[in-house]
Amino acid sequence: MKIVLPFAAVIALVFVALAGVKIANLQFLFGVMVPYAAAAVFIAGFIYRVIVWGKSPVPFSIPTTAGQQKSLPWIKQNTIDNPSGTFGVIVRMALEVLVFRSLFRNTKTELREGPTLTYGSEKFLWAAGLAFHWSFLIIFVRHFRFFMQDVPSVIQMIEGVDSFFQIGAPLLYMTDVVLLAAVTFLVFRRFAMPLIKYISLPADYFPLFLVLGIGVSGVLMRYFTKVHIVGVKELVMGLVGFSPVVPEGIGAIFYVHLFLVSILLLYFPFSKLMHMGGVFLSPTRNMASNSREVRHVNPWNYPVHVHTYEEYENDFREKMKKAGLPVEKE
């Protein structure tokens, strides 16, 4: 059920949009009101989560270390995996955000007959995750042509590189294929691996099915079921300029696509997808490993009266002397 329910929820969302547009003629609701509400919830929720995380105290120095810490001069330090300064932290964060370095170095363990404990790499997971995130980012950037009257040359260049192979008409974007392939791999990986399937929750499947639905509806619009592209840009430009209009004849599949994107924006601040903002606020990543040079002060500390040894001896000096224990003051 933890697989069926998220899948059924996405299918139900598709039918809600189709029925609302084709039967109830609620184009204004699905084209204007829902996107505005989704954008507002996304922005407010994202900012709120980041502020809450940013205000959380860090009582311990807990940077993740995977190499030699800075110590004696003749011991070589691993400045990336165990940075002791700000520059090293920036480099490690950049590698983590841009190329998923920790996931690339990830290993899996299996207990086989013997018994024998074996170790192996998870490079397919790293490749699929990297392909998914980068293709999603490129597709997101490409969509900015709908938000601007004149398409910037940068976006035109990205579109040209993305459609470099010039397959078919309209030209096939490589990121469309890569995104669908990567999401499909991540979904079937959870099906095929018993341990991953056991620990997976509906919250793990729902965003994958949702992104898959967004990708499939987008591919259908571009390559199979045509939409009124001028009307789409007019609608989007109206939303951006806060003067919404709903042109006729855009096509129901566009409203399905837009509705699924809106649901993703609504769901984002309350889900695991917030790792996009949380990775920058993780003390295991953004702290320098300099505990041998700088004392980390617990921000939760507050003034308390400490019973010092001098006070302890004043209280029990005579008893200590009778017991033969050494005292500092006679």
Protein backbone atom coordinates (compact mmCIF):
# COMPACT_ATOMS: atom_id res chain seq x y z
CA MET A 1 0.00 0.00 0.00
CA LYS A 2 2.90 2.40 0.60
CA ILE A 3 3.59 2.14 -3.15
CA VAL A 4 0.03 1.98 -4.44
CA LEU A 5 -1.29 4.94 -2.43
CA PRO A 6 1.26 7.52 -3.69
CA PHE A 7 0.83 6.28 -7.26
CA ALA A 8 -2.97 6.43 -6.96
CA ALA A 9 -2.70 9.92 -5.47
CA VAL A 10 -0.77 11.20 -8.50
CA ILE A 11 -3.21 9.55 -10.91
CA ALA A 12 -6.10 11.12 -8.97
CA LEU A 13 -4.46 14.55 -9.26
CA VAL A 14 -4.21 14.09 -13.03
CA PHE A 15 -7.89 13.23 -13.30
CA VAL A 16 -8.85 16.14 -11.03
CA ALA A 17 -7.14 18.57 -13.39
CA LEU A 18 -8.59 16.92 -16.50
CA ALA A 19 -12.11 16.87 -15.09
CA GLY A 20 -11.83 20.41 -13.78
CA VAL A 21 -10.75 21.79 -17.16
CA LYS A 22 -12.63 19.64 -19.67
CA ILE A 23 -15.88 19.14 -17.75
CA ALA A 24 -16.22 22.00 -15.25
CA ASN A 25 -14.34 24.64 -17.31
CA LEU A 26 -12.28 25.72 -14.31
CA GLN A 27 -9.39 27.06 -16.38
CA PHE A 28 -9.05 30.14 -14.17
CA LEU A 29 -8.85 28.00 -11.03
CA PHE A 30 -6.16 25.65 -12.37
CA GLY A 31 -4.35 28.28 -14.43
CA VAL A 32 -4.30 31.21 -12.00
CA MET A 33 -5.56 30.59 -8.47
CA VAL A 34 -3.82 27.27 -7.81
CA PRO A 35 -0.39 28.43 -9.16
CA TYR A 36 -0.56 31.64 -7.11
CA ALA A 37 -1.46 29.72 -3.94
CA ALA A 38 1.28 27.15 -4.60
CA ALA A 39 3.93 29.82 -5.18
CA ALA A 40 2.92 31.67 -1.99
CA VAL A 41 3.03 28.50 0.13
CA PHE A 42 6.34 27.46 -1.40
CA ILE A 43 8.06 30.80 -0.77
CA ALA A 44 6.65 31.26 2.75
CA GLY A 45 7.26 27.64 3.74
CA PHE A 46 10.79 27.58 2.35
CA ILE A 47 11.75 30.80 4.16
CA TYR A 48 10.16 29.58 7.41
CA ARG A 49 12.00 26.27 7.36
CA VAL A 50 15.33 27.94 6.62
CA ILE A 51 14.84 30.50 9.42
CA VAL A 52 13.95 27.77 11.93
CA TRP A 53 17.00 25.73 10.96
CA GLY A 54 19.22 28.82 11.00
CA LYS A 55 18.13 29.70 14.56
CA SER A 56 18.80 26.19 15.89
CA PRO A 57 21.84 26.12 18.21
CA VAL A 58 24.72 23.75 17.48
CA PRO A 59 25.81 22.43 20.91
CA PHE A 60 28.70 20.31 19.58
CA SER A 61 31.35 20.58 16.92
CA ILE A 62 30.18 17.77 14.64
CA PRO A 63 31.64 18.18 11.14
CA THR A 64 31.72 15.00 9.09
CA THR A 65 35.32 13.85 8.73
CA ALA A 66 36.66 11.41 6.16
CA GLY A 67 40.35 12.24 6.21
CA GLN A 68 43.28 13.36 8.31
CA GLN A 69 42.59 16.32 10.57
CA LYS A 70 45.04 19.22 10.81
CA SER A 71 47.45 18.40 13.60
CA LEU A 72 51.25 18.25 13.58
CA PRO A 73 53.21 20.04 10.84
CA TRP A 74 54.69 16.85 9.36
CA ILE A 75 51.31 15.08 9.09
CA LYS A 76 49.57 15.86 5.80
CA GLN A 77 46.04 17.16 6.27
CA ASN A 78 43.11 16.27 4.02
CA THR A 79 41.89 19.83 3.41
CA ILE A 80 38.69 18.78 1.57
CA ASP A 81 37.38 15.88 3.63
CA ASN A 82 38.56 17.40 6.91
CA PRO A 83 38.78 21.17 6.37
CA SER A 84 40.09 23.39 9.14
CA GLY A 85 39.28 26.72 7.49
CA THR A 86 36.53 28.53 5.64
CA PHE A 87 37.99 27.94 2.17
CA GLY A 88 38.11 24.17 2.71
CA VAL A 89 34.50 24.18 3.92
CA ILE A 90 33.42 26.11 0.80
CA VAL A 91 35.23 23.63 -1.46
CA ARG A 92 33.68 20.64 0.31
CA MET A 93 30.20 22.19 0.19
CA ALA A 94 30.60 23.01 -3.51
CA LEU A 95 31.63 19.44 -4.33
CA GLU A 96 28.74 18.10 -2.26
CA VAL A 97 26.11 20.34 -3.86
CA LEU A 98 27.35 20.21 -7.45
CA VAL A 99 28.63 16.63 -7.85
CA PHE A 100 27.33 14.74 -4.77
CA ARG A 101 30.84 13.78 -3.64
CA SER A 102 29.77 11.91 -0.50
CA LEU A 103 27.29 9.83 -2.53
CA PHE A 104 30.03 9.07 -5.06
CA ARG A 105 32.18 7.68 -2.26
CA ASN A 106 29.31 5.71 -0.76
CA THR A 107 29.68 1.95 -0.42
CA LYS A 108 27.22 -0.85 0.20
CA THR A 109 27.76 -3.91 2.35
CA GLU A 110 26.29 -7.36 1.82
CA LEU A 111 26.45 -10.51 3.92
CA ARG A 112 26.90 -13.49 1.61
CA GLU A 113 27.34 -17.21 2.10
CA GLY A 114 30.31 -18.19 4.17
CA PRO A 115 29.40 -15.93 5.96
CA THR A 116 31.38 -13.30 4.08
CA LEU A 117 30.97 -9.55 4.43
CA THR A 118 31.51 -7.85 1.07
CA TYR A 119 31.79 -4.21 0.14
CA GLY A 120 30.78 -2.65 -3.18
CA SER A 121 30.22 0.73 -4.74
CA GLU A 122 26.92 2.52 -5.37
CA LYS A 123 28.01 4.36 -8.51
CA PHE A 124 24.70 3.72 -10.32
CA LEU A 125 22.81 5.49 -7.55
CA TRP A 126 25.26 8.40 -7.69
CA ALA A 127 24.97 8.64 -11.49
CA ALA A 128 21.16 8.50 -11.44
CA GLY A 129 20.92 11.08 -8.67
CA LEU A 130 23.34 13.42 -10.41
CA ALA A 131 21.58 13.02 -13.76
CA PHE A 132 18.18 13.62 -12.18
CA HIS A 133 19.13 16.80 -10.34
CA TRP A 134 21.14 18.38 -13.17
CA SER A 135 18.57 17.56 -15.87
CA PHE A 136 15.79 18.93 -13.64
CA LEU A 137 17.80 22.13 -13.13
CA ILE A 138 18.43 22.56 -16.87
CA ILE A 139 14.76 21.98 -17.67
CA PHE A 140 13.82 24.51 -15.00
CA VAL A 141 16.19 27.10 -16.50
CA ARG A 142 14.89 26.39 -20.02
CA HIS A 143 11.37 27.19 -18.87
CA PHE A 144 12.39 30.78 -18.13
CA ARG A 145 11.74 31.57 -21.80
CA PHE A 146 8.05 31.57 -20.87
CA PHE A 147 8.60 34.18 -18.16
CA MET A 148 10.38 36.76 -20.34
CA GLN A 149 9.26 38.69 -23.39
CA ASP A 150 12.68 38.38 -25.04
CA VAL A 151 14.47 35.08 -24.47
CA PRO A 152 18.00 35.77 -23.11
CA SER A 153 20.93 34.49 -25.12
CA VAL A 154 22.05 32.34 -22.19
CA ILE A 155 18.81 30.35 -22.27
CA GLN A 156 19.02 30.07 -26.06
CA MET A 157 22.54 28.69 -25.69
CA ILE A 158 21.37 26.15 -23.10
CA GLU A 159 18.54 25.05 -25.40
CA GLY A 160 20.99 24.72 -28.29
CA VAL A 161 23.34 22.50 -26.30
CA ASP A 162 20.42 20.48 -24.90
CA SER A 163 19.11 19.76 -28.43
CA PHE A 164 22.59 19.28 -29.92
CA PHE A 165 21.77 15.96 -31.60
CA GLN A 166 18.84 17.55 -33.49
CA ILE A 167 16.66 14.43 -33.44
CA GLY A 168 13.17 14.77 -34.87
CA ALA A 169 10.92 17.78 -35.13
CA PRO A 170 10.51 19.46 -32.74
CA LEU A 171 14.09 18.90 -31.63
CA LEU A 172 14.58 16.34 -28.89
CA TYR A 173 15.95 17.72 -25.64
CA MET A 174 18.46 15.34 -24.06
CA THR A 175 17.46 16.40 -20.55
CA ASP A 176 13.89 15.21 -21.16
CA VAL A 177 15.12 11.69 -21.81
CA VAL A 178 17.68 11.79 -18.99
CA LEU A 179 15.15 13.04 -16.44
CA LEU A 180 12.60 10.32 -17.22
CA ALA A 181 15.29 7.63 -17.28
CA ALA A 182 16.79 8.77 -13.97
CA VAL A 183 13.45 8.99 -12.16
CA THR A 184 12.43 5.58 -13.54
CA PHE A 185 15.69 4.09 -12.26
CA LEU A 186 15.21 5.61 -8.80
CA VAL A 187 11.65 4.24 -8.63
CA PHE A 188 12.54 0.72 -9.76
CA ARG A 189 15.57 0.71 -7.45
CA ARG A 190 13.17 0.99 -4.53
CA PHE A 191 11.10 -1.86 -6.00
CA ALA A 192 13.99 -4.19 -6.75
CA MET A 193 16.15 -3.89 -3.62
CA PRO A 194 14.43 -5.59 -0.65
CA LEU A 195 16.24 -3.57 2.03
CA ILE A 196 15.51 -0.24 0.32
CA LYS A 197 11.91 -1.29 -0.28
CA TYR A 198 11.52 -2.24 3.39
CA ILE A 199 12.64 1.14 4.74
CA SER A 200 10.88 3.21 2.05
CA LEU A 201 7.80 5.19 3.03
CA PRO A 202 4.96 6.73 1.01
CA ALA A 203 6.77 10.05 1.42
CA ASP A 204 9.67 8.53 -0.56
CA TYR A 205 7.50 7.34 -3.45
CA PHE A 206 5.11 10.28 -3.80
CA PRO A 207 7.64 12.92 -4.98
CA LEU A 208 9.16 10.43 -7.43
CA PHE A 209 5.76 9.62 -8.94
CA LEU A 210 4.89 13.32 -8.95
CA VAL A 211 8.08 14.31 -10.79
CA LEU A 212 7.52 11.42 -13.17
CA GLY A 213 4.01 12.72 -13.86
CA ILE A 214 5.38 16.22 -14.48
CA GLY A 215 7.99 14.85 -16.87
CA VAL A 216 5.54 12.63 -18.78
CA SER A 217 2.99 15.43 -19.17
CA GLY A 218 5.72 17.79 -20.36
CA VAL A 219 6.97 15.27 -22.92
CA LEU A 220 3.41 14.68 -24.14
CA MET A 221 2.93 18.41 -24.65
CA ARG A 222 6.14 18.89 -26.59
CA TYR A 223 6.32 15.81 -28.76
CA PHE A 224 2.84 14.30 -29.03
CA THR A 225 -0.17 16.35 -27.92
CA LYS A 226 0.42 19.88 -29.10
CA VAL A 227 -0.61 22.92 -27.08
CA HIS A 228 -1.12 26.56 -28.00
CA ILE A 229 2.37 27.74 -27.10
CA VAL A 230 1.57 31.45 -27.65
CA GLY A 231 -1.38 31.12 -25.28
CA VAL A 232 0.85 29.39 -22.71
CA LYS A 233 3.36 32.25 -22.77
CA GLU A 234 0.55 34.80 -22.54
CA LEU A 235 -0.82 33.01 -19.47
CA VAL A 236 2.60 32.76 -17.80
CA MET A 237 3.51 36.38 -18.58
CA GLY A 238 0.19 37.44 -17.09
CA LEU A 239 0.92 35.49 -13.92
CA VAL A 240 4.36 37.05 -13.60
CA GLY A 241 2.99 40.55 -14.15
CA PHE A 242 0.08 39.98 -11.71
CA SER A 243 -2.40 40.64 -14.51
CA PRO A 244 -3.61 37.09 -15.16
CA VAL A 245 -5.44 36.17 -18.33
CA VAL A 246 -6.60 32.74 -19.46
CA PRO A 247 -6.38 32.43 -23.27
CA GLU A 248 -8.64 30.02 -25.09
CA GLY A 249 -7.48 26.76 -26.63
CA ILE A 250 -4.35 26.10 -24.60
CA GLY A 251 -5.17 22.44 -24.10
CA ALA A 252 -6.08 20.32 -21.08
CA ILE A 253 -2.69 18.60 -20.89
CA PHE A 254 -1.05 21.95 -20.09
CA TYR A 255 -3.34 22.44 -17.10
CA VAL A 256 -2.49 18.93 -15.91
CA HIS A 257 1.21 19.77 -16.17
CA LEU A 258 0.77 23.09 -14.38
CA PHE A 259 -1.38 21.52 -11.66
CA LEU A 260 1.21 18.82 -10.94
CA VAL A 261 3.94 21.47 -10.75
CA SER A 262 1.76 23.45 -8.32
CA ILE A 263 1.27 20.36 -6.15
CA LEU A 264 5.04 19.88 -6.12
CA LEU A 265 5.51 23.47 -4.93
CA LEU A 266 2.84 23.00 -2.24
CA TYR A 267 4.40 19.74 -1.07
CA PHE A 268 8.01 20.92 -1.19
CA PRO A 269 8.41 22.86 2.11
CA PHE A 270 6.82 20.06 4.14
CA SER A 271 8.79 17.15 2.68
CA LYS A 272 12.23 15.63 2.41
CA LEU A 273 12.72 17.73 -0.73
CA MET A 274 13.73 20.57 1.60
CA HIS A 275 17.20 19.04 1.63
CA MET A 276 17.78 21.53 -1.21
CA GLY A 277 17.94 24.29 1.40
CA GLY A 278 18.89 22.19 4.40
CA VAL A 279 22.19 20.96 2.97
CA PHE A 280 23.63 24.46 3.38
CA LEU A 281 22.60 24.59 7.03
CA SER A 282 23.84 21.15 8.04
CA PRO A 283 26.52 21.51 10.77
CA THR A 284 28.09 18.26 9.62
CA ARG A 285 28.94 20.03 6.34
CA ASN A 286 29.25 23.74 7.06
CA MET A 287 31.49 23.53 10.13
CA ALA A 288 35.27 23.53 10.03
CA SER A 289 37.06 20.68 11.81
CA ASN A 290 39.27 22.89 13.96
CA SER A 291 38.45 21.59 17.43
CA ARG A 292 42.21 21.34 18.20
CA GLU A 293 42.65 25.07 17.50
CA VAL A 294 39.36 26.69 18.46
CA ARG A 295 37.15 25.76 21.37
CA HIS A 296 33.53 25.30 20.31
CA VAL A 297 31.26 27.05 22.80
CA ASN A 298 27.84 25.52 23.32
CA PRO A 299 25.28 28.28 22.63
CA TRP A 300 22.88 26.52 24.97
CA ASN A 301 25.19 27.13 27.93
CA TYR A 302 23.79 29.47 30.56
CA PRO A 303 25.34 30.73 33.82
CA VAL A 304 25.15 28.14 36.59
CA HIS A 305 26.83 27.95 39.95
CA VAL A 306 29.58 25.33 39.92
CA HIS A 307 30.69 23.73 43.20
CA THR A 308 34.44 24.26 42.97
CA TYR A 309 37.06 22.09 44.63
CA GLU A 310 37.92 24.92 46.99
CA GLU A 311 34.30 25.04 48.16
CA TYR A 312 34.23 21.25 48.39
CA GLU A 313 37.34 21.23 50.56
CA ASN A 314 35.95 23.96 52.79
CA ASP A 315 32.87 21.82 53.38
CA PHE A 316 34.71 18.55 54.10
CA ARG A 317 38.24 19.57 55.18
CA GLU A 318 38.08 18.18 58.72
CA LYS A 319 36.59 14.90 57.56
CA MET A 320 39.22 14.63 54.83
CA LYS A 321 42.02 15.19 57.34
CA LYS A 322 40.60 12.57 59.68
CA ALA A 323 40.39 10.14 56.77
CA GLY A 324 44.02 10.82 55.86
CA LEU A 325 43.24 12.50 52.56
CA PRO A 326 45.55 15.30 51.39
CA VAL A 327 44.18 18.81 51.54
CA GLU A 328 45.44 22.04 49.99
CA LYS A 329 44.81 24.14 53.09
CA GLU A 330 45.60 23.07 56.63
